[in-house]
Amino acid sequence: MDATVTAKGQITLPKSARQHLGLQAGDRVRVFLHPDGGVVLLPVLPASALRGMLKPRCGPVTIDDMTEAVAAGAVARFRGSQQ
C-alpha cells in the first residue's frame, strides 16, 4: 500500500491501515524508527485501555497489606546489606 508525502511532510494513512490499527479521526500514533530504515506506527492508547488486562492473583489488596509488604521488603534488604 502506498501513501504520498505532502509539501508539509504529512501523509494520509490508507483506510485499510487505519482500520487495521483501529484508528479514528483525532487519534494519535507513535512512530518508531529502526536502524535498518524501517518505520513502525502504533496507536497511542490511553491508560484506561489497560484496564482489565491483568487479572488479580489473590483478590483485592488493602493499604495495610501493601504497607506490610513494603516493610517486609525493607527489612529483608537491610538484613541483606548487613552481611
N, C-alpha and C. Protein backbone atom coordinates (compact mmCIF):
# COMPACT_ATOMS: atom_id res chain seq x y z
N MET A 1 0.85 -1.16 0.00
CA MET A 1 0.00 0.00 0.00
C MET A 1 0.90 1.23 0.00
N ASP A 2 0.52 2.23 -0.72
CA ASP A 2 1.32 3.44 -0.88
C ASP A 2 0.61 4.64 -0.26
N ALA A 3 1.40 5.62 0.13
CA ALA A 3 0.89 6.91 0.59
C ALA A 3 1.83 7.98 0.06
N THR A 4 1.32 9.18 -0.16
CA THR A 4 2.10 10.27 -0.70
C THR A 4 2.42 11.28 0.39
N VAL A 5 3.65 11.77 0.42
CA VAL A 5 4.07 12.79 1.37
C VAL A 5 3.75 14.15 0.75
N THR A 6 3.07 15.02 1.50
CA THR A 6 2.74 16.36 1.01
C THR A 6 3.92 17.30 1.20
N ALA A 7 3.80 18.51 0.69
CA ALA A 7 4.86 19.52 0.84
C ALA A 7 5.09 19.86 2.32
N LYS A 8 4.07 19.67 3.15
CA LYS A 8 4.20 19.92 4.60
C LYS A 8 4.76 18.71 5.35
N GLY A 9 5.07 17.64 4.63
CA GLY A 9 5.61 16.44 5.27
C GLY A 9 4.55 15.54 5.87
N GLN A 10 3.31 15.71 5.48
CA GLN A 10 2.22 14.91 6.03
C GLN A 10 1.86 13.79 5.07
N ILE A 11 1.34 12.70 5.64
CA ILE A 11 0.81 11.62 4.81
C ILE A 11 -0.58 11.27 5.33
N THR A 12 -1.39 10.71 4.46
CA THR A 12 -2.68 10.17 4.86
C THR A 12 -2.55 8.67 4.84
N LEU A 13 -2.84 8.05 5.99
CA LEU A 13 -2.78 6.59 6.04
C LEU A 13 -3.96 6.03 5.26
N PRO A 14 -3.70 5.06 4.43
CA PRO A 14 -4.81 4.43 3.71
C PRO A 14 -5.84 3.85 4.68
N LYS A 15 -7.08 3.80 4.24
CA LYS A 15 -8.18 3.33 5.07
C LYS A 15 -7.91 1.95 5.67
N SER A 16 -7.34 1.06 4.87
CA SER A 16 -7.08 -0.30 5.38
C SER A 16 -6.07 -0.28 6.54
N ALA A 17 -5.08 0.63 6.48
CA ALA A 17 -4.10 0.74 7.58
C ALA A 17 -4.77 1.32 8.82
N ARG A 18 -5.62 2.34 8.66
CA ARG A 18 -6.33 2.92 9.79
C ARG A 18 -7.24 1.88 10.45
N GLN A 19 -7.93 1.10 9.63
CA GLN A 19 -8.80 0.05 10.18
C GLN A 19 -7.98 -1.01 10.91
N HIS A 20 -6.86 -1.40 10.33
CA HIS A 20 -6.00 -2.42 10.95
C HIS A 20 -5.51 -1.96 12.33
N LEU A 21 -5.17 -0.68 12.44
CA LEU A 21 -4.68 -0.13 13.71
C LEU A 21 -5.81 0.32 14.63
N GLY A 22 -7.05 0.29 14.14
CA GLY A 22 -8.19 0.72 14.94
C GLY A 22 -8.20 2.22 15.18
N LEU A 23 -7.70 3.00 14.22
CA LEU A 23 -7.58 4.45 14.38
C LEU A 23 -8.83 5.17 13.91
N GLN A 24 -9.18 6.20 14.65
CA GLN A 24 -10.28 7.10 14.30
C GLN A 24 -9.69 8.49 14.12
N ALA A 25 -10.45 9.40 13.54
CA ALA A 25 -10.01 10.78 13.38
C ALA A 25 -9.63 11.36 14.74
N GLY A 26 -8.49 12.00 14.82
CA GLY A 26 -8.01 12.62 16.06
C GLY A 26 -7.15 11.72 16.92
N ASP A 27 -7.10 10.41 16.62
CA ASP A 27 -6.23 9.50 17.39
C ASP A 27 -4.77 9.84 17.13
N ARG A 28 -3.93 9.48 18.08
CA ARG A 28 -2.50 9.73 17.95
C ARG A 28 -1.79 8.40 17.67
N VAL A 29 -0.67 8.49 16.96
CA VAL A 29 0.17 7.32 16.70
C VAL A 29 1.58 7.60 17.18
N ARG A 30 2.27 6.56 17.58
CA ARG A 30 3.67 6.66 17.97
C ARG A 30 4.48 6.10 16.81
N VAL A 31 5.57 6.79 16.46
CA VAL A 31 6.42 6.40 15.34
C VAL A 31 7.73 5.88 15.90
N PHE A 32 8.09 4.66 15.51
CA PHE A 32 9.36 4.05 15.91
C PHE A 32 10.25 3.93 14.67
N LEU A 33 11.46 4.48 14.76
CA LEU A 33 12.42 4.41 13.66
C LEU A 33 13.45 3.34 13.98
N HIS A 34 13.62 2.40 13.09
CA HIS A 34 14.57 1.31 13.29
C HIS A 34 15.87 1.62 12.55
N PRO A 35 17.01 1.15 13.08
CA PRO A 35 18.30 1.41 12.45
C PRO A 35 18.38 0.89 11.01
N ASP A 36 17.61 -0.13 10.69
CA ASP A 36 17.66 -0.70 9.32
C ASP A 36 16.86 0.15 8.33
N GLY A 37 16.26 1.25 8.80
CA GLY A 37 15.50 2.12 7.93
C GLY A 37 14.00 1.89 7.99
N GLY A 38 13.57 0.87 8.69
CA GLY A 38 12.15 0.59 8.82
C GLY A 38 11.46 1.55 9.77
N VAL A 39 10.17 1.71 9.60
CA VAL A 39 9.36 2.57 10.45
C VAL A 39 8.15 1.77 10.91
N VAL A 40 7.81 1.90 12.19
CA VAL A 40 6.65 1.21 12.74
C VAL A 40 5.72 2.26 13.35
N LEU A 41 4.44 2.18 13.03
CA LEU A 41 3.42 3.05 13.61
C LEU A 41 2.55 2.22 14.53
N LEU A 42 2.35 2.70 15.75
CA LEU A 42 1.45 2.04 16.69
C LEU A 42 0.52 3.08 17.28
N PRO A 43 -0.73 2.72 17.53
CA PRO A 43 -1.64 3.68 18.14
C PRO A 43 -1.21 3.98 19.57
N VAL A 44 -1.35 5.24 19.98
CA VAL A 44 -1.11 5.62 21.37
C VAL A 44 -2.40 5.37 22.12
N LEU A 45 -2.34 4.48 23.08
CA LEU A 45 -3.54 4.10 23.82
C LEU A 45 -3.59 4.83 25.15
N PRO A 46 -4.77 5.26 25.58
CA PRO A 46 -4.89 5.88 26.90
C PRO A 46 -4.69 4.81 27.98
N ALA A 47 -4.29 5.23 29.15
CA ALA A 47 -4.07 4.29 30.25
C ALA A 47 -5.32 3.46 30.53
N SER A 48 -6.49 4.03 30.30
CA SER A 48 -7.73 3.31 30.56
C SER A 48 -7.86 2.07 29.67
N ALA A 49 -7.15 2.03 28.55
CA ALA A 49 -7.20 0.87 27.67
C ALA A 49 -6.55 -0.35 28.32
N LEU A 50 -5.71 -0.12 29.34
CA LEU A 50 -5.03 -1.22 30.03
C LEU A 50 -5.91 -1.89 31.07
N ARG A 51 -7.00 -1.22 31.42
CA ARG A 51 -7.89 -1.74 32.47
C ARG A 51 -8.36 -3.16 32.11
N GLY A 52 -8.18 -4.05 33.06
CA GLY A 52 -8.65 -5.41 32.90
C GLY A 52 -7.68 -6.35 32.20
N MET A 53 -6.51 -5.84 31.77
CA MET A 53 -5.55 -6.71 31.08
C MET A 53 -4.93 -7.74 32.03
N LEU A 54 -4.69 -7.32 33.27
CA LEU A 54 -4.11 -8.22 34.25
C LEU A 54 -5.17 -8.65 35.24
N LYS A 55 -5.22 -9.91 35.51
CA LYS A 55 -6.19 -10.42 36.46
C LYS A 55 -5.51 -10.58 37.81
N PRO A 56 -6.16 -10.12 38.89
CA PRO A 56 -5.55 -10.26 40.22
C PRO A 56 -5.38 -11.74 40.58
N ARG A 57 -4.28 -12.04 41.23
CA ARG A 57 -4.00 -13.43 41.61
C ARG A 57 -4.58 -13.78 42.96
N CYS A 58 -4.78 -12.78 43.79
CA CYS A 58 -5.22 -13.10 45.15
C CYS A 58 -6.35 -12.19 45.64
N GLY A 59 -7.03 -11.53 44.76
CA GLY A 59 -8.10 -10.65 45.17
C GLY A 59 -7.59 -9.27 45.52
N PRO A 60 -8.48 -8.42 46.03
CA PRO A 60 -8.10 -7.05 46.37
C PRO A 60 -7.03 -7.00 47.45
N VAL A 61 -6.18 -5.99 47.36
CA VAL A 61 -5.12 -5.80 48.35
C VAL A 61 -5.41 -4.50 49.08
N THR A 62 -5.33 -4.55 50.41
CA THR A 62 -5.61 -3.36 51.21
C THR A 62 -4.33 -2.53 51.37
N ILE A 63 -4.50 -1.29 51.82
CA ILE A 63 -3.36 -0.42 52.12
C ILE A 63 -2.49 -1.06 53.20
N ASP A 64 -3.13 -1.68 54.19
CA ASP A 64 -2.37 -2.35 55.25
C ASP A 64 -1.52 -3.49 54.68
N ASP A 65 -2.08 -4.25 53.74
CA ASP A 65 -1.33 -5.33 53.10
C ASP A 65 -0.10 -4.77 52.38
N MET A 66 -0.31 -3.65 51.66
CA MET A 66 0.80 -3.05 50.92
C MET A 66 1.87 -2.52 51.87
N THR A 67 1.45 -1.87 52.95
CA THR A 67 2.39 -1.33 53.94
C THR A 67 3.21 -2.46 54.55
N GLU A 68 2.55 -3.55 54.87
CA GLU A 68 3.23 -4.71 55.45
C GLU A 68 4.24 -5.31 54.47
N ALA A 69 3.87 -5.41 53.20
CA ALA A 69 4.78 -5.95 52.18
C ALA A 69 5.99 -5.05 51.98
N VAL A 70 5.78 -3.74 51.97
CA VAL A 70 6.89 -2.79 51.82
C VAL A 70 7.83 -2.90 53.02
N ALA A 71 7.27 -2.97 54.22
CA ALA A 71 8.09 -3.08 55.43
C ALA A 71 8.90 -4.37 55.41
N ALA A 72 8.27 -5.47 55.01
CA ALA A 72 8.98 -6.75 54.95
C ALA A 72 10.11 -6.69 53.93
N GLY A 73 9.87 -6.06 52.80
CA GLY A 73 10.92 -5.92 51.78
C GLY A 73 12.06 -5.05 52.27
N ALA A 74 11.74 -3.99 53.00
CA ALA A 74 12.78 -3.11 53.54
C ALA A 74 13.63 -3.84 54.56
N VAL A 75 13.00 -4.61 55.42
CA VAL A 75 13.74 -5.38 56.43
C VAL A 75 14.65 -6.40 55.74
N ALA A 76 14.13 -7.10 54.74
CA ALA A 76 14.93 -8.10 54.02
C ALA A 76 16.13 -7.44 53.33
N ARG A 77 15.91 -6.28 52.72
CA ARG A 77 17.01 -5.58 52.05
C ARG A 77 18.05 -5.12 53.07
N PHE A 78 17.60 -4.59 54.20
CA PHE A 78 18.51 -4.12 55.25
C PHE A 78 19.34 -5.28 55.79
N ARG A 79 18.69 -6.41 56.06
CA ARG A 79 19.43 -7.58 56.58
C ARG A 79 20.42 -8.10 55.54
N GLY A 80 20.06 -8.04 54.26
CA GLY A 80 20.97 -8.48 53.21
C GLY A 80 22.18 -7.59 53.10
N SER A 81 22.04 -6.29 53.40
CA SER A 81 23.18 -5.36 53.29
C SER A 81 24.10 -5.46 54.50
N GLN A 82 23.64 -6.10 55.56
CA GLN A 82 24.44 -6.22 56.78
C GLN A 82 25.40 -7.41 56.71
N GLN A 83 25.24 -8.26 55.73
CA GLN A 83 26.08 -9.48 55.65
C GLN A 83 27.33 -9.22 54.85
